[in-house]
């Protein structure tokens, strides 16, 4: 609890507000006390028809009531905790922070101070979360409560019915309180259902204070206690079903109410509602503990210290996919993945036997291909290297564009030696069969095309590039 709250309580207005906060708790306590009187005195003692049945009803009733009140008391009286001084920023640093002229300077100051703290949550602009009222670095999942006027560890919400924040230290008690309250209401409703039905039967209670017209006599006031007890238990049970079910869901996904409305922002990965999700069983054990014997009891058995929490990334051991940008063009995509302007596109084996120029070229041959030349006859590896020439004249296989936009597929065209495409076979790689691989690189062939005469039936590729047959 902060110093501002202590000073506020010293004023008359602050004292009145502090008293006003306890009204919901007093109301719930009064309803429970009245339900005890209506069930035990009016239903069981004064309306006892079967002694053994009354004993069993009272036994299970008191078990549900004890667990219910125990959980409720622990939820109310458990403190929200105190953030240690190591999370508090010194006054001189706070002054520097408030006097910073831009958000980037504030971000650097906070990040520098929080280097030794186990924090993974950030604000939307990527800076460490800072509480201006408490002057502290906020631990993960912690938030400032304006009603409690302090930073609350793993804050779920502020509940007026318990006059306390549901937080790391009492979240197990709060879930048990909802569960046992639901069990208590359902038990009371089912055990009073018979008397509730008999109440509406004409003449059923004539001997107990009712006439045949259902008129109430002076001795029949207790019957209305049972009637109202049934209505109130059903009303509270309906509201508790949805609330208890919702918090069970939050426990299984390891998420608070605040995080379900606004996802926490992580230093790596950005906003992620499932950032603390470790799996259903691990999430349940994080709240209720590892020893199953203490699960139904309002005894603190939660894992951790309330300041740091394991994340789903720590559990899986894999870093989330993050899109990064670099000034020198470092991207996450491979430069050779599907770019139509790349130089190296495909690798297709090419037979090195003499070309049959009478056959038409392939229908769908891409202009930029990496092709291999297979030897016509098998040769030993050493002999094949010795017989290989140092260079290869690719003149007969060139299809060159003309100056007028046409192309020439000439197998016997004479191309000047200065414009030949020559590939040094001594540096070419080999494929799995030992064949040489020729890489056709896109270049400027306009100079060579200027001195070549093409036949009239020459065909031109749609993109104007120079293919190899």
Protein backbone atom coordinates (compact mmCIF):
# COMPACT_ATOMS: atom_id res chain seq x y z
CA UNK A 1 0.00 0.00 0.00
CA UNK A 2 1.43 3.33 -1.03
CA UNK A 3 2.14 6.39 1.06
CA UNK A 4 -0.50 8.39 -0.80
CA UNK A 5 -3.14 5.94 0.36
CA UNK A 6 -1.99 6.24 3.96
CA UNK A 7 -2.20 10.02 3.79
CA UNK A 8 -5.61 9.79 2.15
CA UNK A 9 -6.96 7.67 5.00
CA UNK A 10 -5.99 10.29 7.56
CA UNK A 11 -8.48 12.74 6.09
CA UNK A 12 -12.20 12.45 7.01
CA UNK A 13 -13.15 11.88 3.39
CA UNK A 14 -10.54 9.17 3.03
CA UNK A 15 -11.78 7.42 6.15
CA UNK A 16 -15.35 7.46 4.84
CA UNK A 17 -14.21 5.98 1.53
CA UNK A 18 -12.30 3.24 3.34
CA UNK A 19 -15.43 2.33 5.28
CA UNK A 20 -17.57 2.48 2.16
CA UNK A 21 -15.36 -0.13 0.48
CA UNK A 22 -16.36 -2.70 3.09
CA UNK A 23 -20.10 -2.43 2.39
CA UNK A 24 -20.10 -5.23 -0.27
CA UNK A 25 -18.20 -7.51 2.12
CA UNK A 26 -20.63 -6.77 4.95
CA UNK A 27 -23.54 -7.45 2.62
CA UNK A 28 -22.17 -10.86 1.54
CA UNK A 29 -21.43 -11.76 5.16
CA UNK A 30 -24.97 -10.80 6.20
CA UNK A 31 -26.50 -12.92 3.43
CA UNK A 32 -24.40 -15.92 4.50
CA UNK A 33 -25.40 -15.44 8.15
CA UNK A 34 -29.09 -15.24 7.22
CA UNK A 35 -28.82 -18.33 5.00
CA UNK A 36 -27.30 -20.21 7.92
CA UNK A 37 -30.26 -19.35 10.14
CA UNK A 38 -32.82 -20.18 7.45
CA UNK A 39 -31.22 -23.53 6.59
CA UNK A 40 -30.17 -24.80 10.00
CA UNK A 41 -32.94 -23.45 12.21
CA UNK A 42 -35.98 -23.14 9.97
CA UNK A 43 -35.37 -26.03 7.56
CA UNK A 44 -33.52 -28.65 9.59
CA UNK A 45 -34.37 -28.12 13.26
CA UNK A 46 -37.97 -26.84 13.20
CA UNK A 47 -39.00 -28.89 10.18
CA UNK A 48 -37.20 -32.11 10.99
CA UNK A 49 -39.17 -35.18 9.94
CA UNK A 50 -36.23 -37.60 9.73
CA UNK A 51 -33.49 -37.29 12.31
CA UNK A 52 -30.92 -39.27 10.31
CA UNK A 53 -31.62 -37.26 7.17
CA UNK A 54 -31.28 -34.01 9.11
CA UNK A 55 -27.89 -35.06 10.47
CA UNK A 56 -26.58 -35.88 6.99
CA UNK A 57 -27.91 -32.59 5.61
CA UNK A 58 -26.27 -30.56 8.35
CA UNK A 59 -22.99 -32.47 8.06
CA UNK A 60 -22.48 -31.80 4.36
CA UNK A 61 -23.86 -28.30 4.74
CA UNK A 62 -21.24 -27.34 7.30
CA UNK A 63 -18.43 -28.83 5.24
CA UNK A 64 -19.43 -26.69 2.27
CA UNK A 65 -19.90 -23.65 4.49
CA UNK A 66 -16.50 -24.02 6.20
CA UNK A 67 -14.61 -24.35 2.93
CA UNK A 68 -16.61 -21.49 1.47
CA UNK A 69 -15.98 -19.10 4.37
CA UNK A 70 -12.35 -20.15 4.70
CA UNK A 71 -11.63 -19.34 1.06
CA UNK A 72 -13.57 -16.10 1.29
CA UNK A 73 -11.64 -15.00 4.35
CA UNK A 74 -8.26 -15.79 2.80
CA UNK A 75 -9.19 -13.90 -0.37
CA UNK A 76 -10.12 -10.82 1.63
CA UNK A 77 -7.24 -10.76 4.08
CA UNK A 78 -4.33 -11.75 1.80
CA UNK A 79 -2.12 -8.77 1.02
CA UNK A 80 -1.36 -7.75 -2.54
CA UNK A 81 2.35 -7.95 -1.75
CA UNK A 82 5.10 -5.40 -1.93
CA UNK A 83 7.52 -4.83 -4.77
CA UNK A 84 11.13 -4.95 -3.44
CA UNK A 85 13.33 -1.89 -3.41
CA UNK A 86 15.53 -3.24 -6.19
CA UNK A 87 12.69 -2.47 -8.58
CA UNK A 88 12.42 1.11 -7.37
CA UNK A 89 14.16 3.81 -9.41
CA UNK A 90 16.24 6.31 -7.43
CA UNK A 91 14.94 9.84 -7.18
CA UNK A 92 17.72 11.31 -9.31
CA UNK A 93 16.94 8.83 -12.10
CA UNK A 94 13.25 9.65 -11.84
CA UNK A 95 14.10 13.32 -12.23
CA UNK A 96 16.17 12.57 -15.32
CA UNK A 97 13.35 10.45 -16.66
CA UNK A 98 10.72 13.14 -16.26
CA UNK A 99 13.02 15.80 -17.72
CA UNK A 100 13.85 13.77 -20.82
CA UNK A 101 13.02 15.73 -23.95
CA UNK A 102 11.87 12.76 -26.06
CA UNK A 103 10.53 9.22 -25.57
CA UNK A 104 13.72 7.64 -26.90
CA UNK A 105 15.75 9.14 -24.08
CA UNK A 106 13.24 7.86 -21.53
CA UNK A 107 13.37 4.46 -23.17
CA UNK A 108 17.17 4.32 -22.88
CA UNK A 109 17.05 5.32 -19.20
CA UNK A 110 14.49 2.65 -18.33
CA UNK A 111 16.22 -0.07 -20.34
CA UNK A 112 19.54 0.77 -18.73
CA UNK A 113 18.09 0.53 -15.23
CA UNK A 114 16.20 -2.72 -15.92
CA UNK A 115 19.14 -4.63 -17.41
CA UNK A 116 19.60 -6.71 -14.26
CA UNK A 117 15.86 -7.26 -13.63
CA UNK A 118 13.93 -10.30 -14.92
CA UNK A 119 11.45 -8.40 -17.09
CA UNK A 120 10.20 -9.53 -20.48
CA UNK A 121 7.07 -7.40 -20.83
CA UNK A 122 7.27 -4.08 -22.64
CA UNK A 123 5.04 -1.21 -23.60
CA UNK A 124 3.75 -0.79 -27.13
CA UNK A 125 6.75 1.36 -28.06
CA UNK A 126 9.19 -1.28 -26.76
CA UNK A 127 10.30 0.38 -23.52
CA UNK A 128 10.34 -1.13 -20.04
CA UNK A 129 7.08 -0.66 -18.15
CA UNK A 130 7.32 2.03 -15.49
CA UNK A 131 4.80 3.10 -12.82
CA UNK A 132 4.82 6.87 -12.42
CA UNK A 133 2.93 6.74 -9.11
CA UNK A 134 4.98 4.05 -7.37
CA UNK A 135 8.25 5.07 -9.12
CA UNK A 136 9.14 1.45 -9.84
CA UNK A 137 9.84 -0.80 -12.79
CA UNK A 138 6.74 -2.96 -13.16
CA UNK A 139 7.42 -6.68 -12.89
CA UNK A 140 5.91 -8.93 -15.52
CA UNK A 141 2.11 -9.16 -15.30
CA UNK A 142 2.01 -6.47 -12.59
CA UNK A 143 -0.28 -3.45 -12.83
CA UNK A 144 -1.10 -0.42 -10.72
CA UNK A 145 -4.47 -0.57 -8.95
CA UNK A 146 -6.05 2.83 -8.46
CA UNK A 147 -8.28 1.51 -5.65
CA UNK A 148 -5.46 -0.13 -3.67
CA UNK A 149 -3.12 2.67 -4.85
CA UNK A 150 -0.20 0.30 -5.34
CA UNK A 151 1.33 -1.96 -7.94
CA UNK A 152 -0.12 -5.44 -7.67
CA UNK A 153 1.78 -8.58 -8.66
CA UNK A 154 0.02 -10.58 -11.38
CA UNK A 155 -3.04 -8.43 -11.05
CA UNK A 156 -6.22 -10.06 -12.32
CA UNK A 157 -8.78 -7.43 -11.29
CA UNK A 158 -9.98 -5.52 -8.26
CA UNK A 159 -13.02 -7.25 -6.79
CA UNK A 160 -15.34 -5.07 -4.65
CA UNK A 161 -17.00 -8.17 -3.14
CA UNK A 162 -13.76 -9.03 -1.37
CA UNK A 163 -12.46 -5.43 -1.12
CA UNK A 164 -9.12 -6.58 -2.44
CA UNK A 165 -7.20 -7.09 -5.63
CA UNK A 166 -7.15 -10.60 -7.02
CA UNK A 167 -3.44 -11.10 -7.48
CA UNK A 168 -0.61 -13.60 -7.40
CA UNK A 169 -0.94 -14.37 -3.69
CA UNK A 170 -4.71 -14.88 -3.44
CA UNK A 171 -5.73 -16.01 -6.94
CA UNK A 172 -5.97 -19.64 -5.82
CA UNK A 173 -8.13 -18.56 -2.86
CA UNK A 174 -10.37 -16.54 -5.15
CA UNK A 175 -10.96 -19.46 -7.54
CA UNK A 176 -11.68 -21.77 -4.59
CA UNK A 177 -14.02 -19.14 -3.16
CA UNK A 178 -16.01 -19.08 -6.39
CA UNK A 179 -16.08 -22.87 -6.58
CA UNK A 180 -17.16 -23.43 -2.99
CA UNK A 181 -19.70 -20.61 -3.21
CA UNK A 182 -21.23 -22.36 -6.22
CA UNK A 183 -21.26 -25.70 -4.38
CA UNK A 184 -22.85 -24.05 -1.35
CA UNK A 185 -25.62 -22.41 -3.39
CA UNK A 186 -26.38 -25.54 -5.38
CA UNK A 187 -26.47 -27.67 -2.23
CA UNK A 188 -28.87 -25.28 -0.50
CA UNK A 189 -31.07 -25.05 -3.60
CA UNK A 190 -31.37 -28.83 -4.06
CA UNK A 191 -32.04 -29.56 -0.39
CA UNK A 192 -34.73 -26.86 -0.16
CA UNK A 193 -36.40 -27.80 -3.47
CA UNK A 194 -38.84 -30.23 -1.81
CA UNK A 195 -40.07 -27.65 0.69
CA UNK A 196 -40.27 -25.03 -2.05
CA UNK A 197 -42.58 -27.26 -4.11
CA UNK A 198 -44.72 -28.13 -1.09
CA UNK A 199 -45.11 -24.45 -0.31
CA UNK A 200 -47.23 -23.91 -3.44
CA UNK A 201 -49.55 -26.83 -2.86
CA UNK A 202 -52.90 -25.68 -1.46
CA UNK A 203 -53.50 -27.02 2.02
CA UNK A 204 -50.15 -28.75 2.27
CA UNK A 205 -49.11 -26.58 5.19
CA UNK A 206 -52.47 -26.20 6.89
CA UNK A 207 -51.18 -27.80 10.05
CA UNK A 208 -48.02 -25.70 10.00
CA UNK A 209 -49.54 -22.25 9.78
CA UNK A 210 -51.27 -22.10 6.38
CA UNK A 211 -54.94 -22.26 5.52
CA UNK A 212 -56.36 -23.90 2.42
CA UNK A 213 -56.28 -20.52 0.67
CA UNK A 214 -52.55 -20.20 1.41
CA UNK A 215 -53.02 -17.45 3.96
CA UNK A 216 -50.05 -17.05 6.31
CA UNK A 217 -50.65 -17.38 10.02
CA UNK A 218 -48.38 -15.99 12.69
CA UNK A 219 -46.51 -19.27 13.18
CA UNK A 220 -45.65 -19.72 9.49
CA UNK A 221 -43.01 -17.02 9.04
CA UNK A 222 -40.26 -19.62 8.89
CA UNK A 223 -41.65 -21.00 5.65
CA UNK A 224 -40.92 -17.75 3.88
CA UNK A 225 -37.30 -17.99 5.00
CA UNK A 226 -37.07 -21.30 3.15
CA UNK A 227 -38.82 -19.82 0.11
CA UNK A 228 -36.44 -16.86 -0.11
CA UNK A 229 -33.47 -19.10 0.61
CA UNK A 230 -34.28 -21.16 -2.47
CA UNK A 231 -34.66 -18.08 -4.68
CA UNK A 232 -31.44 -16.43 -3.47
CA UNK A 233 -29.38 -19.62 -3.78
CA UNK A 234 -30.57 -20.13 -7.36
CA UNK A 235 -29.85 -16.49 -8.22
CA UNK A 236 -26.30 -16.61 -6.87
CA UNK A 237 -25.67 -20.02 -8.43
CA UNK A 238 -26.56 -18.74 -11.91
CA UNK A 239 -24.12 -15.83 -11.63
CA UNK A 240 -21.40 -17.99 -10.10
CA UNK A 241 -21.56 -20.62 -12.85
CA UNK A 242 -20.40 -18.20 -15.53
CA UNK A 243 -17.84 -16.47 -13.31
CA UNK A 244 -16.32 -19.68 -11.98
CA UNK A 245 -16.24 -21.26 -15.44
CA UNK A 246 -14.53 -18.20 -16.88
CA UNK A 247 -11.78 -18.22 -14.27
CA UNK A 248 -11.23 -21.96 -14.69
CA UNK A 249 -10.66 -21.22 -18.37
CA UNK A 250 -8.19 -18.46 -17.47
CA UNK A 251 -6.31 -20.83 -15.18
CA UNK A 252 -6.01 -23.47 -17.90
CA UNK A 253 -4.62 -20.98 -20.43
CA UNK A 254 -2.50 -19.12 -17.83
CA UNK A 255 -4.05 -15.75 -18.49
CA UNK A 256 -5.40 -12.99 -16.25
CA UNK A 257 -8.56 -11.00 -16.81
CA UNK A 258 -6.52 -7.95 -17.82
CA UNK A 259 -4.44 -10.01 -20.25
CA UNK A 260 -7.58 -11.43 -21.85
CA UNK A 261 -8.67 -7.91 -22.78
CA UNK A 262 -5.21 -6.57 -23.64
CA UNK A 263 -2.48 -8.97 -24.61
CA UNK A 264 0.90 -8.53 -22.88
CA UNK A 265 3.71 -7.20 -25.06
CA UNK A 266 6.94 -9.19 -24.96
CA UNK A 267 10.44 -7.97 -25.68
CA UNK A 268 10.76 -10.67 -28.33
CA UNK A 269 7.61 -11.53 -30.21
CA UNK A 270 5.42 -8.51 -29.51
CA UNK A 271 1.83 -8.82 -28.21
CA UNK A 272 0.82 -12.38 -27.43
CA UNK A 273 -2.15 -13.51 -25.31
CA UNK A 274 -0.68 -17.00 -25.07
CA UNK A 275 2.80 -15.86 -24.10
CA UNK A 276 2.59 -17.49 -20.65
CA UNK A 277 0.71 -20.59 -21.78
CA UNK A 278 2.69 -23.67 -20.71
CA UNK A 279 0.03 -26.32 -21.30
CA UNK A 280 -3.12 -26.99 -19.31
CA UNK A 281 -1.61 -29.13 -16.58
CA UNK A 282 1.42 -26.87 -16.11
CA UNK A 283 -0.83 -23.82 -16.07
CA UNK A 284 -3.05 -25.41 -13.43
CA UNK A 285 -0.05 -26.33 -11.29
CA UNK A 286 1.30 -22.80 -11.54
CA UNK A 287 -1.76 -21.58 -9.63
CA UNK A 288 -2.65 -24.57 -7.44
CA UNK A 289 0.81 -26.05 -6.87
CA UNK A 290 2.36 -29.44 -7.47
CA UNK A 291 0.93 -31.32 -4.48
CA UNK A 292 -2.61 -32.45 -5.32
CA UNK A 293 -3.46 -32.88 -1.63
CA UNK A 294 -3.50 -29.11 -1.18
CA UNK A 295 -5.47 -28.30 -4.30
CA UNK A 296 -8.91 -28.13 -2.58
CA UNK A 297 -7.61 -26.24 0.45
CA UNK A 298 -7.15 -22.45 0.61
CA UNK A 299 -3.46 -22.78 1.42
CA UNK A 300 -0.89 -20.92 -0.66
CA UNK A 301 0.88 -23.43 -2.93
CA UNK A 302 1.35 -21.44 -6.14
CA UNK A 303 4.60 -21.68 -8.07
CA UNK A 304 7.08 -18.84 -8.38
CA UNK A 305 7.72 -15.61 -6.56
CA UNK A 306 5.31 -13.32 -8.41
CA UNK A 307 8.05 -11.31 -10.16
CA UNK A 308 9.07 -13.57 -13.06
CA UNK A 309 7.16 -16.24 -14.94
CA UNK A 310 8.14 -18.91 -17.46
CA UNK A 311 6.92 -18.20 -20.95
CA UNK A 312 5.76 -20.47 -23.73
CA UNK A 313 9.04 -19.77 -25.54
CA UNK A 314 11.02 -21.06 -22.56
CA UNK A 315 8.84 -24.16 -22.41
CA UNK A 316 9.19 -25.05 -26.10
CA UNK A 317 12.81 -23.97 -26.39
CA UNK A 318 12.13 -22.25 -29.71
CA UNK A 319 12.39 -18.56 -30.39
CA UNK A 320 9.33 -16.97 -31.97
CA UNK A 321 9.49 -15.89 -35.58
CA UNK A 322 10.30 -12.21 -35.68
CA UNK A 323 10.52 -10.06 -38.77
CA UNK A 324 13.77 -8.12 -38.75
CA UNK A 325 15.13 -5.48 -41.09
CA UNK A 326 18.74 -4.62 -41.79
CA UNK A 327 20.23 -1.61 -43.47
CA UNK A 328 22.25 -3.75 -45.92
CA UNK A 329 19.26 -5.69 -47.19
CA UNK A 330 19.46 -8.72 -44.90
CA UNK A 331 16.05 -10.30 -45.20
CA UNK A 332 14.54 -13.57 -44.09
CA UNK A 333 13.88 -14.76 -47.65
CA UNK A 334 16.49 -16.51 -49.76
CA UNK A 335 17.65 -14.62 -52.74
CA UNK A 336 17.32 -17.77 -54.87
CA UNK A 337 13.72 -18.51 -53.90
CA UNK A 338 11.45 -18.00 -56.86
CA UNK A 339 12.64 -14.63 -58.11
CA UNK A 340 12.05 -14.50 -61.89
CA UNK A 341 14.93 -12.06 -62.36
CA UNK A 342 17.53 -14.31 -60.77
CA UNK A 343 20.41 -15.48 -62.91
CA UNK A 344 20.39 -19.09 -61.75
CA UNK A 345 16.99 -20.65 -62.30
CA UNK A 346 17.05 -24.33 -63.06
CA UNK A 347 19.31 -27.27 -63.77
CA UNK A 348 18.40 -29.63 -66.62
CA UNK A 349 20.75 -32.31 -68.02
CA UNK A 350 21.96 -31.54 -71.53
CA UNK A 351 23.19 -34.23 -73.89
CA UNK A 352 26.70 -33.51 -75.28
CA UNK A 353 26.18 -35.61 -78.38
CA UNK A 354 26.13 -33.68 -81.64
CA UNK A 355 23.00 -31.61 -81.83
CA UNK A 356 20.37 -32.62 -84.36
CA UNK A 357 19.44 -29.21 -85.67
CA UNK A 358 16.65 -30.66 -87.77
CA UNK A 359 14.61 -31.27 -84.62
CA UNK A 360 12.64 -28.33 -83.23
CA UNK A 361 13.72 -26.80 -79.92
CA UNK A 362 11.84 -27.73 -76.71
CA UNK A 363 8.43 -26.11 -76.35
CA UNK A 364 8.76 -24.66 -72.84
CA UNK A 365 12.47 -24.14 -72.46
CA UNK A 366 13.25 -21.28 -70.14
CA UNK A 367 15.78 -18.77 -71.43
CA UNK A 368 17.80 -18.91 -68.20
CA UNK A 369 18.75 -22.48 -67.55
CA UNK A 370 21.67 -24.38 -66.10
CA UNK A 371 22.24 -27.39 -68.24
CA UNK A 372 24.66 -30.31 -68.14
CA UNK A 373 26.51 -31.99 -70.98
CA UNK A 374 26.67 -35.78 -70.89
CA UNK A 375 29.48 -37.57 -72.63
CA UNK A 376 28.44 -39.53 -75.72
CA UNK A 377 30.49 -42.55 -74.66
CA UNK A 378 31.46 -43.61 -71.13
CA UNK A 379 35.04 -42.68 -70.29
CA UNK A 380 37.14 -43.04 -67.21
CA UNK A 381 37.18 -40.02 -64.98
CA UNK A 382 40.82 -39.18 -65.61
CA UNK A 383 40.55 -39.59 -69.36
CA UNK A 384 37.45 -37.47 -69.45
CA UNK A 385 39.28 -34.60 -67.77
CA UNK A 386 42.22 -34.87 -70.10
CA UNK A 387 40.04 -34.93 -73.21
CA UNK A 388 38.06 -31.91 -72.15
CA UNK A 389 38.98 -28.72 -74.01
CA UNK A 390 39.84 -25.60 -72.16
CA UNK A 391 37.01 -23.64 -73.73
CA UNK A 392 33.87 -24.27 -75.67
CA UNK A 393 32.55 -22.26 -78.54
CA UNK A 394 28.82 -21.99 -78.09
CA UNK A 395 28.37 -20.19 -81.41
CA UNK A 396 26.29 -22.88 -83.21
CA UNK A 397 23.72 -23.04 -80.40
CA UNK A 398 23.08 -19.33 -79.98
CA UNK A 399 19.74 -17.79 -80.71
CA UNK A 400 20.46 -14.09 -80.97
CA UNK A 401 18.06 -11.16 -81.14
CA UNK A 402 18.20 -8.97 -84.24
CA UNK A 403 18.22 -5.24 -84.35
CA UNK A 404 14.64 -5.13 -85.68
CA UNK A 405 13.29 -7.05 -82.64
CA UNK A 406 13.33 -10.55 -84.28
CA UNK A 407 15.42 -13.49 -83.20
CA UNK A 408 17.66 -15.87 -85.06
CA UNK A 409 17.92 -19.56 -84.27
CA UNK A 410 20.90 -20.31 -86.47
CA UNK A 411 22.96 -23.42 -86.20
CA UNK A 412 25.40 -22.41 -88.99
CA UNK A 413 25.47 -18.65 -88.55
CA UNK A 414 28.94 -17.20 -88.45
CA UNK A 415 29.48 -15.15 -85.36
CA UNK A 416 32.61 -13.07 -84.99
CA UNK A 417 35.06 -14.46 -82.53
CA UNK A 418 34.98 -11.27 -80.55
CA UNK A 419 31.29 -11.83 -79.91
CA UNK A 420 31.34 -15.51 -79.09
CA UNK A 421 30.02 -16.75 -75.75
CA UNK A 422 32.93 -18.75 -74.34
CA UNK A 423 32.76 -20.77 -71.16
CA UNK A 424 35.86 -22.12 -69.48
CA UNK A 425 35.17 -25.76 -68.81
CA UNK A 426 38.09 -26.07 -66.44
CA UNK A 427 36.13 -24.20 -63.79
CA UNK A 428 32.68 -25.64 -64.45
CA UNK A 429 31.08 -27.90 -61.81
CA UNK A 430 29.91 -31.42 -62.53
CA UNK A 431 26.60 -33.03 -61.77
CA UNK A 432 26.03 -36.42 -60.12
CA UNK A 433 26.79 -38.26 -63.40
CA UNK A 434 30.11 -36.53 -63.87
CA UNK A 435 28.76 -34.30 -66.65
CA UNK A 436 29.90 -30.75 -67.03
CA UNK A 437 27.37 -28.10 -66.12
CA UNK A 438 27.13 -25.02 -68.33
CA UNK A 439 25.67 -21.92 -66.72
CA UNK A 440 24.01 -19.60 -69.15
CA UNK A 441 24.37 -16.11 -67.68
CA UNK A 442 22.20 -13.33 -68.94
CA UNK A 443 24.28 -10.66 -70.63
CA UNK A 444 24.26 -8.14 -73.37
CA UNK A 445 24.19 -9.98 -76.71
CA UNK A 446 23.09 -7.03 -78.78
CA UNK A 447 26.59 -6.53 -80.09
CA UNK A 448 26.76 -10.07 -81.39
CA UNK A 449 23.30 -9.88 -82.82
CA UNK A 450 24.11 -6.90 -84.98
CA UNK A 451 26.31 -8.91 -87.33
CA UNK A 452 24.12 -12.01 -87.73
CA UNK A 453 21.68 -12.53 -90.52
CA UNK A 454 18.61 -14.47 -89.49
CA UNK A 455 16.24 -16.43 -91.67
CA UNK A 456 12.71 -15.21 -92.15
CA UNK A 457 11.16 -18.03 -90.12
CA UNK A 458 13.27 -17.24 -87.06
CA UNK A 459 11.31 -17.20 -83.80
CA UNK A 460 11.82 -14.89 -80.86
CA UNK A 461 11.20 -15.63 -77.22
CA UNK A 462 8.53 -13.46 -75.60
CA UNK A 463 10.94 -11.84 -73.18
CA UNK A 464 13.65 -11.23 -75.82
CA UNK A 465 16.34 -13.20 -73.96
CA UNK A 466 18.82 -15.50 -75.61
CA UNK A 467 18.11 -19.21 -75.05
CA UNK A 468 20.43 -22.11 -75.68
CA UNK A 469 19.29 -25.21 -77.56
